[in-house]
N, C-alpha and C. Protein backbone atom coordinates (compact mmCIF):
# COMPACT_ATOMS: atom_id res chain seq x y z
N MET A 1 0.02 -28.28 -6.67
CA MET A 1 -1.13 -28.97 -6.44
C MET A 1 -2.21 -28.21 -7.10
N LEU A 2 -3.31 -29.34 -7.41
CA LEU A 2 -4.22 -28.52 -8.31
C LEU A 2 -5.61 -28.49 -7.24
N VAL A 3 -6.25 -26.97 -7.12
CA VAL A 3 -6.69 -26.63 -6.72
C VAL A 3 -8.64 -26.98 -6.97
N ILE A 4 -9.32 -27.77 -6.60
CA ILE A 4 -10.85 -27.82 -7.33
C ILE A 4 -11.71 -27.35 -6.27
N PRO A 5 -12.79 -26.81 -7.14
CA PRO A 5 -13.71 -26.24 -6.12
C PRO A 5 -14.41 -26.85 -5.43
N ALA A 6 -14.53 -26.01 -4.65
CA ALA A 6 -15.37 -26.94 -3.46
C ALA A 6 -16.77 -27.76 -3.83
N LYS A 7 -17.59 -26.56 -4.77
CA LYS A 7 -19.07 -27.45 -5.16
C LYS A 7 -18.53 -27.53 -6.91
N TYR A 8 -18.91 -28.97 -7.45
CA TYR A 8 -19.49 -29.19 -8.51
C TYR A 8 -19.93 -30.16 -8.63
N SER A 9 -20.72 -30.34 -10.00
CA SER A 9 -21.66 -31.72 -10.54
C SER A 9 -21.13 -32.45 -11.84
N ILE A 10 -21.42 -33.74 -11.77
CA ILE A 10 -21.07 -34.15 -12.68
C ILE A 10 -22.04 -34.29 -13.73
N MET A 11 -22.10 -34.09 -15.18
CA MET A 11 -23.30 -34.10 -16.08
C MET A 11 -22.86 -34.47 -17.34
N GLN A 12 -23.52 -35.08 -17.77
CA GLN A 12 -22.99 -35.85 -18.97
C GLN A 12 -23.57 -35.36 -20.00
N ARG A 13 -22.20 -35.10 -21.52
CA ARG A 13 -22.63 -34.36 -22.46
C ARG A 13 -21.28 -34.86 -23.29
N PRO A 14 -21.64 -34.15 -24.81
CA PRO A 14 -21.02 -34.75 -25.66
C PRO A 14 -19.62 -34.50 -25.69
N LYS A 15 -18.70 -35.48 -26.52
CA LYS A 15 -16.89 -34.53 -26.76
C LYS A 15 -17.31 -33.19 -26.96
N PRO A 16 -16.60 -32.32 -26.28
CA PRO A 16 -16.33 -30.92 -26.65
C PRO A 16 -15.89 -30.79 -28.17
N GLY A 17 -16.31 -30.31 -29.25
CA GLY A 17 -16.13 -30.36 -30.64
C GLY A 17 -16.33 -31.56 -31.18
N ASP A 18 -16.78 -32.53 -30.67
CA ASP A 18 -17.45 -33.77 -31.51
C ASP A 18 -18.79 -34.11 -31.08
N ALA A 19 -19.60 -33.83 -31.49
CA ALA A 19 -21.37 -33.91 -31.00
C ALA A 19 -21.78 -35.48 -31.16
N SER A 20 -20.75 -36.01 -32.18
CA SER A 20 -21.49 -37.26 -32.73
C SER A 20 -20.89 -38.41 -32.03
N ALA A 21 -19.77 -38.43 -31.15
CA ALA A 21 -18.84 -38.73 -30.43
C ALA A 21 -19.82 -39.51 -29.07
N PRO A 22 -19.87 -40.77 -28.39
CA PRO A 22 -20.35 -41.01 -27.40
C PRO A 22 -20.52 -39.93 -26.16
N LYS A 23 -21.42 -39.77 -25.48
CA LYS A 23 -21.33 -38.90 -24.58
C LYS A 23 -20.56 -39.35 -23.09
N LYS A 24 -19.99 -38.46 -22.39
CA LYS A 24 -19.21 -38.82 -21.46
C LYS A 24 -19.88 -37.59 -20.20
N PHE A 25 -18.98 -38.26 -19.18
CA PHE A 25 -19.48 -37.52 -17.83
C PHE A 25 -18.27 -36.49 -17.94
N TYR A 26 -18.33 -35.21 -17.45
CA TYR A 26 -17.87 -34.49 -17.10
C TYR A 26 -17.68 -33.47 -15.58
N ALA A 27 -17.01 -33.02 -15.04
CA ALA A 27 -17.19 -32.07 -13.98
C ALA A 27 -17.72 -30.82 -14.46
N VAL A 28 -18.19 -30.23 -13.51
CA VAL A 28 -18.72 -28.39 -13.98
C VAL A 28 -19.12 -27.96 -12.30
N ALA A 29 -18.14 -26.59 -12.43
CA ALA A 29 -17.86 -26.43 -11.03
C ALA A 29 -19.56 -25.21 -11.05
N LYS A 30 -19.77 -25.41 -9.79
CA LYS A 30 -21.13 -25.05 -9.42
C LYS A 30 -21.08 -23.56 -8.69
N SER A 31 -21.49 -22.80 -8.94
CA SER A 31 -21.44 -21.15 -8.15
C SER A 31 -22.84 -21.29 -6.97
N ASP A 32 -22.43 -20.76 -6.00
CA ASP A 32 -23.33 -20.91 -4.95
C ASP A 32 -23.47 -19.45 -4.20
N GLY A 33 -23.80 -18.60 -4.81
CA GLY A 33 -24.16 -17.17 -4.45
C GLY A 33 -22.89 -16.21 -5.36
N GLU A 34 -22.77 -15.22 -4.24
CA GLU A 34 -21.81 -14.05 -4.87
C GLU A 34 -21.33 -13.20 -3.73
N VAL A 35 -20.13 -12.40 -4.49
CA VAL A 35 -19.84 -11.51 -3.39
C VAL A 35 -19.38 -10.37 -3.85
N THR A 36 -19.46 -9.29 -3.07
CA THR A 36 -19.38 -7.97 -4.02
C THR A 36 -18.26 -7.32 -3.87
N LEU A 37 -17.71 -6.31 -4.45
CA LEU A 37 -16.53 -5.47 -4.36
C LEU A 37 -16.45 -5.23 -2.84
N ARG A 38 -17.35 -4.39 -2.13
CA ARG A 38 -17.78 -3.78 -0.86
C ARG A 38 -17.61 -5.16 0.22
N GLN A 39 -17.97 -6.27 0.06
CA GLN A 39 -17.74 -7.05 0.64
C GLN A 39 -16.39 -8.14 0.91
N LEU A 40 -15.98 -7.65 -0.76
CA LEU A 40 -14.28 -7.93 -0.75
C LEU A 40 -13.32 -7.19 0.10
N ALA A 41 -14.03 -5.95 0.22
CA ALA A 41 -12.90 -4.80 0.80
C ALA A 41 -12.91 -4.75 2.27
N ASP A 42 -14.18 -5.53 2.82
CA ASP A 42 -14.52 -5.30 4.62
C ASP A 42 -13.42 -6.32 4.75
N GLN A 43 -13.93 -7.61 4.04
CA GLN A 43 -12.51 -8.85 4.39
C GLN A 43 -11.29 -8.67 4.77
N ILE A 44 -11.07 -7.90 3.67
CA ILE A 44 -9.15 -7.55 3.30
C ILE A 44 -8.89 -6.33 4.84
N ALA A 45 -9.95 -5.56 5.20
CA ALA A 45 -9.63 -4.62 5.76
C ALA A 45 -9.55 -5.45 7.50
N ASP A 46 -10.69 -6.63 7.55
CA ASP A 46 -10.15 -7.35 8.63
C ASP A 46 -9.06 -8.20 8.98
N ILE A 47 -8.47 -7.85 7.95
CA ILE A 47 -7.32 -9.33 8.21
C ILE A 47 -5.94 -8.38 7.84
N SER A 48 -6.46 -6.75 7.81
CA SER A 48 -5.07 -6.07 7.23
C SER A 48 -5.08 -4.59 8.44
N THR A 49 -4.37 -3.47 7.93
CA THR A 49 -4.10 -2.19 8.79
C THR A 49 -5.01 -1.24 7.87
N VAL A 50 -5.85 -1.61 7.20
CA VAL A 50 -6.10 -0.74 5.71
C VAL A 50 -7.81 -0.84 6.38
N SER A 51 -8.25 0.62 6.17
CA SER A 51 -9.34 0.52 6.41
C SER A 51 -10.30 -0.25 5.03
N SER A 52 -11.81 -0.07 5.37
CA SER A 52 -12.34 -0.78 4.57
C SER A 52 -12.94 0.19 3.27
N ILE A 53 -12.73 1.47 3.69
CA ILE A 53 -12.91 2.55 2.79
C ILE A 53 -11.65 2.37 1.97
N ASP A 54 -10.64 3.00 2.48
CA ASP A 54 -9.04 2.79 1.96
C ASP A 54 -9.03 1.68 1.09
N THR A 55 -9.42 0.11 1.33
CA THR A 55 -9.32 -0.79 0.68
C THR A 55 -10.56 -1.22 -0.36
N LEU A 56 -11.76 -0.36 -0.74
CA LEU A 56 -12.48 -0.44 -1.92
C LEU A 56 -12.36 0.48 -2.59
N VAL A 57 -11.54 1.77 -2.21
CA VAL A 57 -11.29 2.73 -3.11
C VAL A 57 -9.86 1.80 -4.03
N VAL A 58 -8.84 1.53 -3.32
CA VAL A 58 -7.79 0.71 -4.06
C VAL A 58 -8.59 -0.17 -5.16
N LEU A 59 -9.20 -1.00 -4.71
CA LEU A 59 -9.87 -2.14 -5.62
C LEU A 59 -10.76 -1.53 -6.98
N GLU A 60 -11.28 -0.24 -6.44
CA GLU A 60 -12.05 -0.01 -7.51
C GLU A 60 -11.03 0.85 -8.49
N SER A 61 -9.92 1.38 -7.84
CA SER A 61 -8.88 2.04 -8.91
C SER A 61 -8.37 0.51 -9.61
N LEU A 62 -8.32 -0.31 -9.46
CA LEU A 62 -7.30 -1.15 -9.82
C LEU A 62 -8.33 -1.90 -10.75
N LEU A 63 -9.84 -1.87 -10.54
CA LEU A 63 -10.91 -2.04 -12.06
C LEU A 63 -10.91 -1.22 -13.03
N LYS A 64 -10.45 0.28 -12.68
CA LYS A 64 -10.45 1.05 -13.65
C LYS A 64 -9.38 1.33 -14.77
N VAL A 65 -8.29 0.77 -13.78
CA VAL A 65 -6.83 0.61 -14.74
C VAL A 65 -6.52 -0.96 -15.27
N ILE A 66 -7.13 -1.60 -14.97
CA ILE A 66 -6.82 -2.94 -15.61
C ILE A 66 -7.37 -3.17 -17.13
N PRO A 67 -8.46 -2.76 -17.11
CA PRO A 67 -8.65 -2.43 -18.72
C PRO A 67 -8.10 -1.60 -19.65
N ASN A 68 -7.55 -0.82 -19.21
CA ASN A 68 -6.63 0.48 -19.99
C ASN A 68 -5.65 -0.54 -20.51
N HIS A 69 -4.60 -1.09 -19.84
CA HIS A 69 -3.89 -1.88 -20.00
C HIS A 69 -3.96 -3.50 -21.05
N LEU A 70 -5.32 -3.68 -20.65
CA LEU A 70 -6.10 -4.63 -21.46
C LEU A 70 -5.92 -4.17 -22.91
N LEU A 71 -6.41 -3.35 -23.35
CA LEU A 71 -6.87 -2.62 -24.36
C LEU A 71 -5.65 -2.34 -25.11
N ASN A 72 -4.42 -1.68 -24.54
CA ASN A 72 -3.21 -1.59 -25.01
C ASN A 72 -2.30 -2.82 -25.24
N GLY A 73 -3.38 -3.97 -25.11
CA GLY A 73 -2.24 -5.27 -25.58
C GLY A 73 -1.26 -5.82 -24.62
N ARG A 74 -1.62 -5.39 -23.28
CA ARG A 74 -1.15 -5.94 -22.54
C ARG A 74 -1.07 -7.08 -21.71
N ILE A 75 -0.58 -7.79 -21.12
CA ILE A 75 -1.19 -8.83 -20.31
C ILE A 75 -1.16 -8.46 -18.97
N VAL A 76 -1.79 -8.63 -17.65
CA VAL A 76 -1.86 -8.30 -16.77
C VAL A 76 -2.20 -9.21 -15.97
N ARG A 77 -0.77 -9.47 -15.14
CA ARG A 77 -0.39 -10.61 -14.22
C ARG A 77 -0.82 -10.21 -13.04
N LEU A 78 -1.84 -10.98 -11.74
CA LEU A 78 -2.37 -10.47 -10.77
C LEU A 78 -1.76 -11.79 -9.61
N GLY A 79 0.10 -11.98 -9.45
CA GLY A 79 0.28 -12.84 -8.95
C GLY A 79 -0.23 -14.51 -9.12
N ASP A 80 -0.32 -15.05 -7.74
CA ASP A 80 -0.90 -16.33 -7.56
C ASP A 80 -2.03 -16.34 -8.29
N PHE A 81 -3.19 -15.49 -8.40
CA PHE A 81 -4.11 -15.50 -9.17
C PHE A 81 -4.77 -15.60 -10.46
N GLY A 82 -3.26 -15.03 -11.29
CA GLY A 82 -3.55 -15.81 -12.43
C GLY A 82 -3.19 -14.33 -13.42
N SER A 83 -3.49 -14.25 -14.54
CA SER A 83 -3.08 -13.48 -16.04
C SER A 83 -4.13 -13.36 -16.49
N PHE A 84 -4.28 -12.18 -16.83
CA PHE A 84 -5.78 -11.72 -17.95
C PHE A 84 -5.16 -11.11 -18.98
N ARG A 85 -5.62 -11.26 -20.25
CA ARG A 85 -5.03 -10.95 -21.43
C ARG A 85 -6.54 -10.59 -22.62
N LEU A 86 -6.54 -10.03 -23.46
CA LEU A 86 -7.74 -10.12 -24.30
C LEU A 86 -7.68 -11.10 -25.57
N THR A 87 -8.20 -11.61 -26.07
CA THR A 87 -8.25 -12.35 -27.37
C THR A 87 -9.24 -11.74 -28.13
N LEU A 88 -9.32 -12.61 -29.56
CA LEU A 88 -10.41 -12.04 -30.86
C LEU A 88 -11.02 -12.82 -31.14
N ALA A 89 -12.01 -12.54 -31.57
CA ALA A 89 -12.76 -13.91 -32.55
C ALA A 89 -13.31 -13.04 -33.96
N SER A 90 -12.95 -13.83 -35.04
CA SER A 90 -12.82 -12.52 -36.26
C SER A 90 -13.23 -13.42 -37.55
N GLU A 91 -14.15 -12.93 -38.48
CA GLU A 91 -13.95 -13.48 -39.80
C GLU A 91 -13.02 -13.84 -40.40
N GLY A 92 -12.80 -14.58 -41.12
CA GLY A 92 -11.54 -14.83 -42.01
C GLY A 92 -11.30 -13.84 -43.28
N ALA A 93 -10.37 -13.62 -43.51
CA ALA A 93 -9.65 -13.19 -44.67
C ALA A 93 -9.44 -13.74 -45.74
N ASP A 94 -9.26 -13.50 -47.28
CA ASP A 94 -8.10 -14.40 -48.43
C ASP A 94 -6.96 -13.84 -48.27
N THR A 95 -6.64 -12.54 -47.91
CA THR A 95 -5.48 -11.98 -47.92
C THR A 95 -5.41 -11.04 -46.62
N ALA A 96 -4.20 -10.51 -46.17
CA ALA A 96 -4.45 -9.68 -44.66
C ALA A 96 -4.97 -7.93 -45.40
N GLY A 97 -4.63 -7.70 -47.08
CA GLY A 97 -5.10 -6.41 -47.32
C GLY A 97 -6.39 -7.04 -47.34
N HIS A 98 -7.33 -7.66 -47.24
CA HIS A 98 -8.36 -7.50 -47.27
C HIS A 98 -9.03 -8.04 -46.08
N PHE A 99 -8.26 -7.83 -44.70
CA PHE A 99 -9.16 -8.03 -43.52
C PHE A 99 -9.40 -6.41 -43.20
N SER A 100 -10.67 -6.32 -42.39
CA SER A 100 -11.16 -4.97 -41.97
C SER A 100 -11.41 -4.85 -40.50
N LYS A 101 -11.13 -4.29 -39.48
CA LYS A 101 -11.82 -4.55 -38.22
C LYS A 101 -12.63 -4.39 -38.26
N ASN A 102 -13.82 -4.21 -39.17
CA ASN A 102 -15.40 -4.76 -38.88
C ASN A 102 -15.96 -6.38 -38.86
N MET A 103 -14.47 -7.23 -39.35
CA MET A 103 -14.37 -8.53 -39.45
C MET A 103 -14.48 -9.17 -38.08
N ILE A 104 -14.04 -8.21 -37.04
CA ILE A 104 -13.80 -9.20 -35.86
C ILE A 104 -15.20 -8.49 -34.86
N LYS A 105 -15.60 -9.83 -34.48
CA LYS A 105 -16.89 -10.26 -34.17
C LYS A 105 -16.84 -10.07 -32.65
N LYS A 106 -15.42 -10.54 -31.58
CA LYS A 106 -15.93 -10.57 -30.20
C LYS A 106 -14.82 -9.94 -29.85
N VAL A 107 -14.51 -9.52 -28.73
CA VAL A 107 -13.77 -9.45 -27.78
C VAL A 107 -13.45 -10.37 -26.70
N ASN A 108 -12.72 -11.21 -26.61
CA ASN A 108 -12.60 -12.13 -24.72
C ASN A 108 -11.79 -11.43 -24.00
N LEU A 109 -12.19 -11.78 -22.73
CA LEU A 109 -11.15 -11.63 -21.95
C LEU A 109 -10.81 -12.96 -21.01
N ASN A 110 -9.42 -13.26 -21.10
CA ASN A 110 -8.78 -14.83 -21.19
C ASN A 110 -8.32 -14.63 -20.09
N HIS A 111 -8.80 -15.46 -19.20
CA HIS A 111 -8.00 -15.52 -17.51
C HIS A 111 -7.11 -17.15 -17.70
N CYS A 112 -5.79 -17.20 -17.19
CA CYS A 112 -5.44 -18.44 -17.28
C CYS A 112 -4.38 -18.13 -16.13
N ASP A 113 -3.76 -19.61 -15.94
CA ASP A 113 -2.94 -20.02 -14.90
C ASP A 113 -3.33 -19.59 -13.35
N VAL A 114 -4.69 -19.71 -13.14
CA VAL A 114 -5.68 -19.84 -11.89
C VAL A 114 -4.87 -20.28 -10.63
N PHE A 115 -5.38 -21.53 -10.81
CA PHE A 115 -3.87 -22.61 -9.94
C PHE A 115 -3.23 -23.63 -10.73
N GLU A 116 -2.14 -23.67 -10.58
CA GLU A 116 -1.31 -24.33 -11.77
C GLU A 116 -0.96 -25.89 -10.55
N LYS A 117 -0.89 -26.96 -11.81
CA LYS A 117 -0.47 -28.66 -11.09
C LYS A 117 0.63 -28.39 -10.38
N ASP A 118 1.14 -28.81 -9.44
CA ASP A 118 2.44 -29.07 -9.05
C ASP A 118 3.11 -30.30 -9.99
């Protein structure tokens, strides 16, 4: 089952990757506020036997260990929430020998498989 965000708008845009194509209407997810790590810990404590402080410590620890795994080339799988991995954007080199790490321009955090279609 595909889960659709509760709030979205419809916007007219050019086709991604083809600005000359006729514009079409696309769905765009809308944000409505934010929630803090502390608020998440409080909500988890309300539905479990773990205190809010203990939950916050675990969540903060999770946020400290995940980046280390990503930087070591691992995909981090968080169950039904999806997977995280790093991707790179770089300049191209004519040969592998001419490539240097200075050609890497951006490190992206990629999140996939949030909600799969059945």
